[in-house]
């Protein structure tokens, strides 16, 4: 079972819960530290298992990175050519009918 970034088996979950109960019932600091250390070891095994699972299921990143590099080069090239080409300026913005009415009403006519 995966909880957050830790993968534990059912036996490990049961053992961890048993250790938590022992920590609650412990009478000395030595017992608390011993049970805490055992619980941390269980969690560390779960973390390592989670990391190894991620590494095994990792997609091919190298191919994706090469494709993105090619796209960056294309973008740079197109930006360079666009800057060197002259384009006609956009036509003046047409006023909507509503804006025309506002302009006429404010002109004092």
C-alpha atoms as a PDB file:
ATOM      1  CA  UNK A   1       0.000   0.000   0.000  1.00  0.00           C
ATOM      2  CA  UNK A   2       1.346   3.452  -0.918  1.00  0.00           C
ATOM      3  CA  UNK A   3       0.713   6.234   1.569  1.00  0.00           C
ATOM      4  CA  UNK A   4       2.130   9.552   0.456  1.00  0.00           C
ATOM      5  CA  UNK A   5       5.699   8.710  -0.511  1.00  0.00           C
ATOM      6  CA  UNK A   6       5.979   5.436   1.410  1.00  0.00           C
ATOM      7  CA  UNK A   7       5.070   1.960   0.186  1.00  0.00           C
ATOM      8  CA  UNK A   8       4.380  -0.547   2.977  1.00  0.00           C
ATOM      9  CA  UNK A   9       3.182  -4.130   2.979  1.00  0.00           C
ATOM     10  CA  UNK A  10       0.302  -5.165   5.239  1.00  0.00           C
ATOM     11  CA  UNK A  11       2.731  -6.892   7.608  1.00  0.00           C
ATOM     12  CA  UNK A  12       4.807  -3.715   7.879  1.00  0.00           C
ATOM     13  CA  UNK A  13       1.699  -1.643   8.551  1.00  0.00           C
ATOM     14  CA  UNK A  14       0.644  -4.033  11.322  1.00  0.00           C
ATOM     15  CA  UNK A  15       4.159  -4.023  12.802  1.00  0.00           C
ATOM     16  CA  UNK A  16       4.296  -0.204  12.661  1.00  0.00           C
ATOM     17  CA  UNK A  17       0.930   0.119  14.414  1.00  0.00           C
ATOM     18  CA  UNK A  18       2.035  -2.388  17.056  1.00  0.00           C
ATOM     19  CA  UNK A  19       5.208  -0.348  17.648  1.00  0.00           C
ATOM     20  CA  UNK A  20       3.185   2.876  17.954  1.00  0.00           C
ATOM     21  CA  UNK A  21       1.080   1.232  20.653  1.00  0.00           C
ATOM     22  CA  UNK A  22       4.237   0.023  22.426  1.00  0.00           C
ATOM     23  CA  UNK A  23       5.603   3.590  22.338  1.00  0.00           C
ATOM     24  CA  UNK A  24       2.398   4.845  23.981  1.00  0.00           C
ATOM     25  CA  UNK A  25       2.625   2.153  26.664  1.00  0.00           C
ATOM     26  CA  UNK A  26       6.398   2.475  27.227  1.00  0.00           C
ATOM     27  CA  UNK A  27       7.533   3.404  30.722  1.00  0.00           C
ATOM     28  CA  UNK A  28      11.154   4.391  30.117  1.00  0.00           C
ATOM     29  CA  UNK A  29      12.934   6.596  27.626  1.00  0.00           C
ATOM     30  CA  UNK A  30      15.029   3.626  26.548  1.00  0.00           C
ATOM     31  CA  UNK A  31      11.926   1.678  25.510  1.00  0.00           C
ATOM     32  CA  UNK A  32      10.543   4.708  23.656  1.00  0.00           C
ATOM     33  CA  UNK A  33      13.793   5.245  21.749  1.00  0.00           C
ATOM     34  CA  UNK A  34      14.076   1.533  20.904  1.00  0.00           C
ATOM     35  CA  UNK A  35      10.530   1.287  19.535  1.00  0.00           C
ATOM     36  CA  UNK A  36      10.855   4.621  17.740  1.00  0.00           C
ATOM     37  CA  UNK A  37      14.028   3.442  16.021  1.00  0.00           C
ATOM     38  CA  UNK A  38      12.316   0.237  14.886  1.00  0.00           C
ATOM     39  CA  UNK A  39       9.341   2.223  13.554  1.00  0.00           C
ATOM     40  CA  UNK A  40      11.681   4.585  11.677  1.00  0.00           C
ATOM     41  CA  UNK A  41      13.428   1.592  10.096  1.00  0.00           C
ATOM     42  CA  UNK A  42      10.079   0.295   8.821  1.00  0.00           C
ATOM     43  CA  UNK A  43       9.251   3.703   7.351  1.00  0.00           C
ATOM     44  CA  UNK A  44      12.701   3.975   5.759  1.00  0.00           C
ATOM     45  CA  UNK A  45      12.208   0.592   4.062  1.00  0.00           C
ATOM     46  CA  UNK A  46       8.908   1.905   2.727  1.00  0.00           C
ATOM     47  CA  UNK A  47      10.553   5.082   1.418  1.00  0.00           C
ATOM     48  CA  UNK A  48      13.291   3.101  -0.322  1.00  0.00           C
ATOM     49  CA  UNK A  49      10.695   0.788  -1.851  1.00  0.00           C
ATOM     50  CA  UNK A  50       8.738   3.816  -3.110  1.00  0.00           C
ATOM     51  CA  UNK A  51      11.863   5.352  -4.678  1.00  0.00           C
ATOM     52  CA  UNK A  52      12.859   2.102  -6.376  1.00  0.00           C
ATOM     53  CA  UNK A  53       9.315   1.733  -7.726  1.00  0.00           C
ATOM     54  CA  UNK A  54       9.529   5.253  -9.182  1.00  0.00           C
ATOM     55  CA  UNK A  55      12.885   4.503 -10.794  1.00  0.00           C
ATOM     56  CA  UNK A  56      11.557   1.320 -12.375  1.00  0.00           C
ATOM     57  CA  UNK A  57       8.489   3.077 -13.800  1.00  0.00           C
ATOM     58  CA  UNK A  58      10.409   6.159 -14.992  1.00  0.00           C
ATOM     59  CA  UNK A  59       9.632   7.022 -18.641  1.00  0.00           C
ATOM     60  CA  UNK A  60      12.320   7.643 -21.212  1.00  0.00           C
ATOM     61  CA  UNK A  61      13.198  11.219 -20.382  1.00  0.00           C
ATOM     62  CA  UNK A  62      16.137  11.396 -22.752  1.00  0.00           C
ATOM     63  CA  UNK A  63      13.974  11.202 -25.883  1.00  0.00           C
ATOM     64  CA  UNK A  64      11.597  13.819 -24.525  1.00  0.00           C
ATOM     65  CA  UNK A  65      14.486  16.186 -23.750  1.00  0.00           C
ATOM     66  CA  UNK A  66      15.891  15.809 -27.269  1.00  0.00           C
ATOM     67  CA  UNK A  67      12.492  16.616 -28.781  1.00  0.00           C
ATOM     68  CA  UNK A  68      12.133  19.718 -26.611  1.00  0.00           C
ATOM     69  CA  UNK A  69      15.607  20.903 -27.668  1.00  0.00           C
ATOM     70  CA  UNK A  70      14.586  20.588 -31.318  1.00  0.00           C
ATOM     71  CA  UNK A  71      11.412  22.572 -30.642  1.00  0.00           C
ATOM     72  CA  UNK A  72      13.440  25.305 -28.906  1.00  0.00           C
ATOM     73  CA  UNK A  73      15.696  25.598 -31.955  1.00  0.00           C
ATOM     74  CA  UNK A  74      12.674  25.875 -34.236  1.00  0.00           C
ATOM     75  CA  UNK A  75      11.149  28.557 -32.026  1.00  0.00           C
ATOM     76  CA  UNK A  76      14.391  30.546 -31.994  1.00  0.00           C
ATOM     77  CA  UNK A  77      14.690  30.266 -35.751  1.00  0.00           C
ATOM     78  CA  UNK A  78      11.122  31.376 -36.359  1.00  0.00           C
ATOM     79  CA  UNK A  79      11.525  34.308 -33.949  1.00  0.00           C
ATOM     80  CA  UNK A  80      14.665  35.382 -35.787  1.00  0.00           C
ATOM     81  CA  UNK A  81      13.038  35.215 -39.202  1.00  0.00           C
ATOM     82  CA  UNK A  82       9.935  37.018 -37.937  1.00  0.00           C
ATOM     83  CA  UNK A  83      12.070  39.889 -36.658  1.00  0.00           C
ATOM     84  CA  UNK A  84      13.814  40.239 -40.020  1.00  0.00           C
ATOM     85  CA  UNK A  85      10.641  40.202 -42.102  1.00  0.00           C
ATOM     86  CA  UNK A  86       8.580  43.353 -42.427  1.00  0.00           C
ATOM     87  CA  UNK A  87       4.847  43.033 -41.978  1.00  0.00           C
ATOM     88  CA  UNK A  88       2.114  45.515 -42.758  1.00  0.00           C
ATOM     89  CA  UNK A  89       0.884  47.306 -39.688  1.00  0.00           C
ATOM     90  CA  UNK A  90      -2.624  46.359 -38.541  1.00  0.00           C
ATOM     91  CA  UNK A  91      -5.485  48.477 -39.785  1.00  0.00           C
ATOM     92  CA  UNK A  92      -6.901  51.084 -37.438  1.00  0.00           C
ATOM     93  CA  UNK A  93      -9.304  49.732 -34.858  1.00  0.00           C
ATOM     94  CA  UNK A  94     -12.910  50.169 -35.888  1.00  0.00           C
ATOM     95  CA  UNK A  95     -15.221  51.824 -33.408  1.00  0.00           C
ATOM     96  CA  UNK A  96     -18.285  49.902 -32.412  1.00  0.00           C
ATOM     97  CA  UNK A  97     -21.671  51.603 -32.816  1.00  0.00           C
ATOM     98  CA  UNK A  98     -21.922  52.085 -29.068  1.00  0.00           C
ATOM     99  CA  UNK A  99     -18.549  53.842 -28.897  1.00  0.00           C
ATOM    100  CA  UNK A 100     -19.582  56.081 -31.809  1.00  0.00           C
ATOM    101  CA  UNK A 101     -22.690  57.172 -29.939  1.00  0.00           C
ATOM    102  CA  UNK A 102     -20.657  57.996 -26.852  1.00  0.00           C
ATOM    103  CA  UNK A 103     -18.236  60.057 -28.905  1.00  0.00           C
ATOM    104  CA  UNK A 104     -21.076  62.007 -30.534  1.00  0.00           C
ATOM    105  CA  UNK A 105     -22.840  62.687 -27.235  1.00  0.00           C
ATOM    106  CA  UNK A 106     -19.657  64.050 -25.680  1.00  0.00           C
ATOM    107  CA  UNK A 107     -18.836  66.274 -28.646  1.00  0.00           C
ATOM    108  CA  UNK A 108     -21.648  68.714 -27.816  1.00  0.00           C
ATOM    109  CA  UNK A 109     -23.604  68.280 -31.045  1.00  0.00           C
END
